Amino acid sequence: MKEQPAAPTPVILGIDDLRPLPWATRIARTSHEGVQLLQEHRDSLIDELWLDHDLGGDDSIMPVVTLMEEAAFDGRPFRIGTVFVHSANPIGSETVVRSLTRWNYQVRRATA
């Protein structure tokens, strides 16, 4: 009897300045790191992407959101199963949800 190959490990990325996100396979702590992280996974499936709006000081998730919007506008959206927005900032959270939903990303609000 042949053994079934092991299922691939899900790719779960998180962009959050404070939370540990123990289920994430990689975590970025700034928007700059988040943009780099997404670019590293440009041509692969990202099962889940966890986004926090406020990333400390004047930094926010918006450069990452802009990258995702531009990719979708260019006809090459990132391949992401679900984007989870887990920000404690209700206005920032709503902005992210609206922006990404507009470009047909599957977005859900969540608590982390």
C-alpha atoms as a PDB file:
ATOM      1  CA  MET A   1       0.000   0.000   0.000  1.00  0.00           C
ATOM      2  CA  LYS A   2       1.382   3.411  -1.005  1.00  0.00           C
ATOM      3  CA  GLU A   3       1.565   6.156   1.577  1.00  0.00           C
ATOM      4  CA  GLN A   4      -0.203   9.360   0.707  1.00  0.00           C
ATOM      5  CA  PRO A   5       2.173  12.308   0.370  1.00  0.00           C
ATOM      6  CA  ALA A   6       2.005  14.707   3.286  1.00  0.00           C
ATOM      7  CA  ALA A   7      -0.239  17.681   2.751  1.00  0.00           C
ATOM      8  CA  PRO A   8       1.746  20.862   2.161  1.00  0.00           C
ATOM      9  CA  THR A   9       2.088  23.156   5.152  1.00  0.00           C
ATOM     10  CA  PRO A  10      -0.349  26.059   4.792  1.00  0.00           C
ATOM     11  CA  VAL A  11       1.247  29.444   4.162  1.00  0.00           C
ATOM     12  CA  ILE A  12      -0.096  31.808   6.813  1.00  0.00           C
ATOM     13  CA  LEU A  13       1.416  35.288   6.833  1.00  0.00           C
ATOM     14  CA  GLY A  14       0.869  37.934   9.490  1.00  0.00           C
ATOM     15  CA  ILE A  15       1.618  41.631   9.510  1.00  0.00           C
ATOM     16  CA  ASP A  16       1.313  42.994  13.038  1.00  0.00           C
ATOM     17  CA  ASP A  17       3.645  45.074  15.189  1.00  0.00           C
ATOM     18  CA  LEU A  18       2.777  43.471  18.549  1.00  0.00           C
ATOM     19  CA  ARG A  19       0.757  40.263  18.466  1.00  0.00           C
ATOM     20  CA  PRO A  20       2.660  36.966  18.408  1.00  0.00           C
ATOM     21  CA  LEU A  21       0.271  35.246  15.896  1.00  0.00           C
ATOM     22  CA  PRO A  22       1.549  31.759  16.797  1.00  0.00           C
ATOM     23  CA  TRP A  23      -0.315  30.101  13.903  1.00  0.00           C
ATOM     24  CA  ALA A  24       1.484  32.251  11.302  1.00  0.00           C
ATOM     25  CA  THR A  25       4.340  30.701   9.345  1.00  0.00           C
ATOM     26  CA  ARG A  26       5.950  34.156   8.892  1.00  0.00           C
ATOM     27  CA  ILE A  27       5.366  37.531  10.585  1.00  0.00           C
ATOM     28  CA  ALA A  28       6.294  41.038   9.472  1.00  0.00           C
ATOM     29  CA  ARG A  29       6.354  43.808  12.068  1.00  0.00           C
ATOM     30  CA  THR A  30       6.305  46.907   9.814  1.00  0.00           C
ATOM     31  CA  SER A  31       4.628  47.869   6.552  1.00  0.00           C
ATOM     32  CA  HIS A  32       8.022  47.784   4.822  1.00  0.00           C
ATOM     33  CA  GLU A  33       8.623  44.218   6.037  1.00  0.00           C
ATOM     34  CA  GLY A  34       5.034  43.362   5.044  1.00  0.00           C
ATOM     35  CA  VAL A  35       5.541  44.569   1.483  1.00  0.00           C
ATOM     36  CA  GLN A  36       8.758  42.516   1.262  1.00  0.00           C
ATOM     37  CA  LEU A  37       6.994  39.459   2.699  1.00  0.00           C
ATOM     38  CA  LEU A  38       4.195  39.651   0.125  1.00  0.00           C
ATOM     39  CA  GLN A  39       6.684  40.171  -2.695  1.00  0.00           C
ATOM     40  CA  GLU A  40       8.570  37.044  -1.577  1.00  0.00           C
ATOM     41  CA  HIS A  41       5.301  35.092  -1.963  1.00  0.00           C
ATOM     42  CA  ARG A  42       4.263  36.826  -5.197  1.00  0.00           C
ATOM     43  CA  ASP A  43       3.918  33.694  -7.285  1.00  0.00           C
ATOM     44  CA  SER A  44       2.672  31.252  -4.648  1.00  0.00           C
ATOM     45  CA  LEU A  45      -0.582  30.637  -2.833  1.00  0.00           C
ATOM     46  CA  ILE A  46      -0.971  32.360   0.517  1.00  0.00           C
ATOM     47  CA  ASP A  47      -3.601  30.432   2.453  1.00  0.00           C
ATOM     48  CA  GLU A  48      -4.211  33.189   5.010  1.00  0.00           C
ATOM     49  CA  LEU A  49      -3.006  36.761   5.413  1.00  0.00           C
ATOM     50  CA  TRP A  50      -3.542  38.427   8.812  1.00  0.00           C
ATOM     51  CA  LEU A  51      -3.433  42.238   8.821  1.00  0.00           C
ATOM     52  CA  ASP A  52      -3.334  44.741  11.655  1.00  0.00           C
ATOM     53  CA  HIS A  53      -3.986  48.357  10.669  1.00  0.00           C
ATOM     54  CA  ASP A  54      -1.805  50.243  13.164  1.00  0.00           C
ATOM     55  CA  LEU A  55       1.827  49.122  13.076  1.00  0.00           C
ATOM     56  CA  GLY A  56       3.367  51.469  15.634  1.00  0.00           C
ATOM     57  CA  GLY A  57       4.171  55.171  15.424  1.00  0.00           C
ATOM     58  CA  ASP A  58       3.071  56.599  12.091  1.00  0.00           C
ATOM     59  CA  ASP A  59       3.246  53.223  10.334  1.00  0.00           C
ATOM     60  CA  SER A  60       0.102  51.491   9.107  1.00  0.00           C
ATOM     61  CA  ILE A  61      -0.861  48.567   6.883  1.00  0.00           C
ATOM     62  CA  MET A  62      -1.828  50.893   4.024  1.00  0.00           C
ATOM     63  CA  PRO A  63       1.374  50.409   1.944  1.00  0.00           C
ATOM     64  CA  VAL A  64       0.613  46.667   1.953  1.00  0.00           C
ATOM     65  CA  VAL A  65      -3.016  47.328   0.984  1.00  0.00           C
ATOM     66  CA  THR A  66      -1.841  49.626  -1.827  1.00  0.00           C
ATOM     67  CA  LEU A  67       0.491  46.897  -3.128  1.00  0.00           C
ATOM     68  CA  MET A  68      -2.401  44.432  -3.163  1.00  0.00           C
ATOM     69  CA  GLU A  69      -4.722  46.923  -4.879  1.00  0.00           C
ATOM     70  CA  GLU A  70      -2.129  47.726  -7.555  1.00  0.00           C
ATOM     71  CA  ALA A  71      -1.552  44.028  -8.209  1.00  0.00           C
ATOM     72  CA  ALA A  72      -5.284  43.494  -8.699  1.00  0.00           C
ATOM     73  CA  PHE A  73      -5.540  46.598 -10.903  1.00  0.00           C
ATOM     74  CA  ASP A  74      -2.750  45.190 -13.083  1.00  0.00           C
ATOM     75  CA  GLY A  75      -4.703  41.942 -13.452  1.00  0.00           C
ATOM     76  CA  ARG A  76      -2.327  39.932 -11.236  1.00  0.00           C
ATOM     77  CA  PRO A  77      -3.885  39.931  -7.770  1.00  0.00           C
ATOM     78  CA  PHE A  78      -2.053  38.072  -5.053  1.00  0.00           C
ATOM     79  CA  ARG A  79      -3.362  34.511  -4.646  1.00  0.00           C
ATOM     80  CA  ILE A  80      -4.706  34.639  -1.106  1.00  0.00           C
ATOM     81  CA  GLY A  81      -7.321  32.294   0.319  1.00  0.00           C
ATOM     82  CA  THR A  82      -8.593  34.650   3.017  1.00  0.00           C
ATOM     83  CA  VAL A  83      -7.411  38.002   4.342  1.00  0.00           C
ATOM     84  CA  PHE A  84      -8.204  38.455   8.032  1.00  0.00           C
ATOM     85  CA  VAL A  85      -8.259  42.006   9.389  1.00  0.00           C
ATOM     86  CA  HIS A  86      -7.745  41.928  13.150  1.00  0.00           C
ATOM     87  CA  SER A  87      -7.148  45.573  13.999  1.00  0.00           C
ATOM     88  CA  ALA A  88      -8.451  47.225  17.148  1.00  0.00           C
ATOM     89  CA  ASN A  89      -8.837  50.409  15.070  1.00  0.00           C
ATOM     90  CA  PRO A  90     -12.443  50.296  13.753  1.00  0.00           C
ATOM     91  CA  ILE A  91     -12.015  53.042  11.146  1.00  0.00           C
ATOM     92  CA  GLY A  92      -8.704  51.663   9.894  1.00  0.00           C
ATOM     93  CA  SER A  93     -10.131  48.154   9.863  1.00  0.00           C
ATOM     94  CA  GLU A  94     -13.138  49.254   7.808  1.00  0.00           C
ATOM     95  CA  THR A  95     -10.859  51.043   5.330  1.00  0.00           C
ATOM     96  CA  VAL A  96      -8.799  47.886   4.794  1.00  0.00           C
ATOM     97  CA  VAL A  97     -11.880  45.668   4.431  1.00  0.00           C
ATOM     98  CA  ARG A  98     -13.525  48.016   1.925  1.00  0.00           C
ATOM     99  CA  SER A  99     -10.349  48.545  -0.101  1.00  0.00           C
ATOM    100  CA  LEU A 100      -9.525  44.859  -0.481  1.00  0.00           C
ATOM    101  CA  THR A 101     -13.114  43.683  -0.957  1.00  0.00           C
ATOM    102  CA  ARG A 102     -13.404  46.147  -3.833  1.00  0.00           C
ATOM    103  CA  TRP A 103     -10.625  44.216  -5.609  1.00  0.00           C
ATOM    104  CA  ASN A 104     -12.277  40.828  -4.971  1.00  0.00           C
ATOM    105  CA  TYR A 105      -9.999  39.613  -2.200  1.00  0.00           C
ATOM    106  CA  GLN A 106     -11.853  37.412   0.305  1.00  0.00           C
ATOM    107  CA  VAL A 107     -11.742  39.509   3.490  1.00  0.00           C
ATOM    108  CA  ARG A 108     -13.048  38.809   6.975  1.00  0.00           C
ATOM    109  CA  ARG A 109     -12.867  40.674  10.233  1.00  0.00           C
ATOM    110  CA  ALA A 110     -11.343  38.656  13.025  1.00  0.00           C
ATOM    111  CA  THR A 111      -9.934  38.905  16.514  1.00  0.00           C
ATOM    112  CA  ALA A 112      -6.352  37.909  17.147  1.00  0.00           C
END
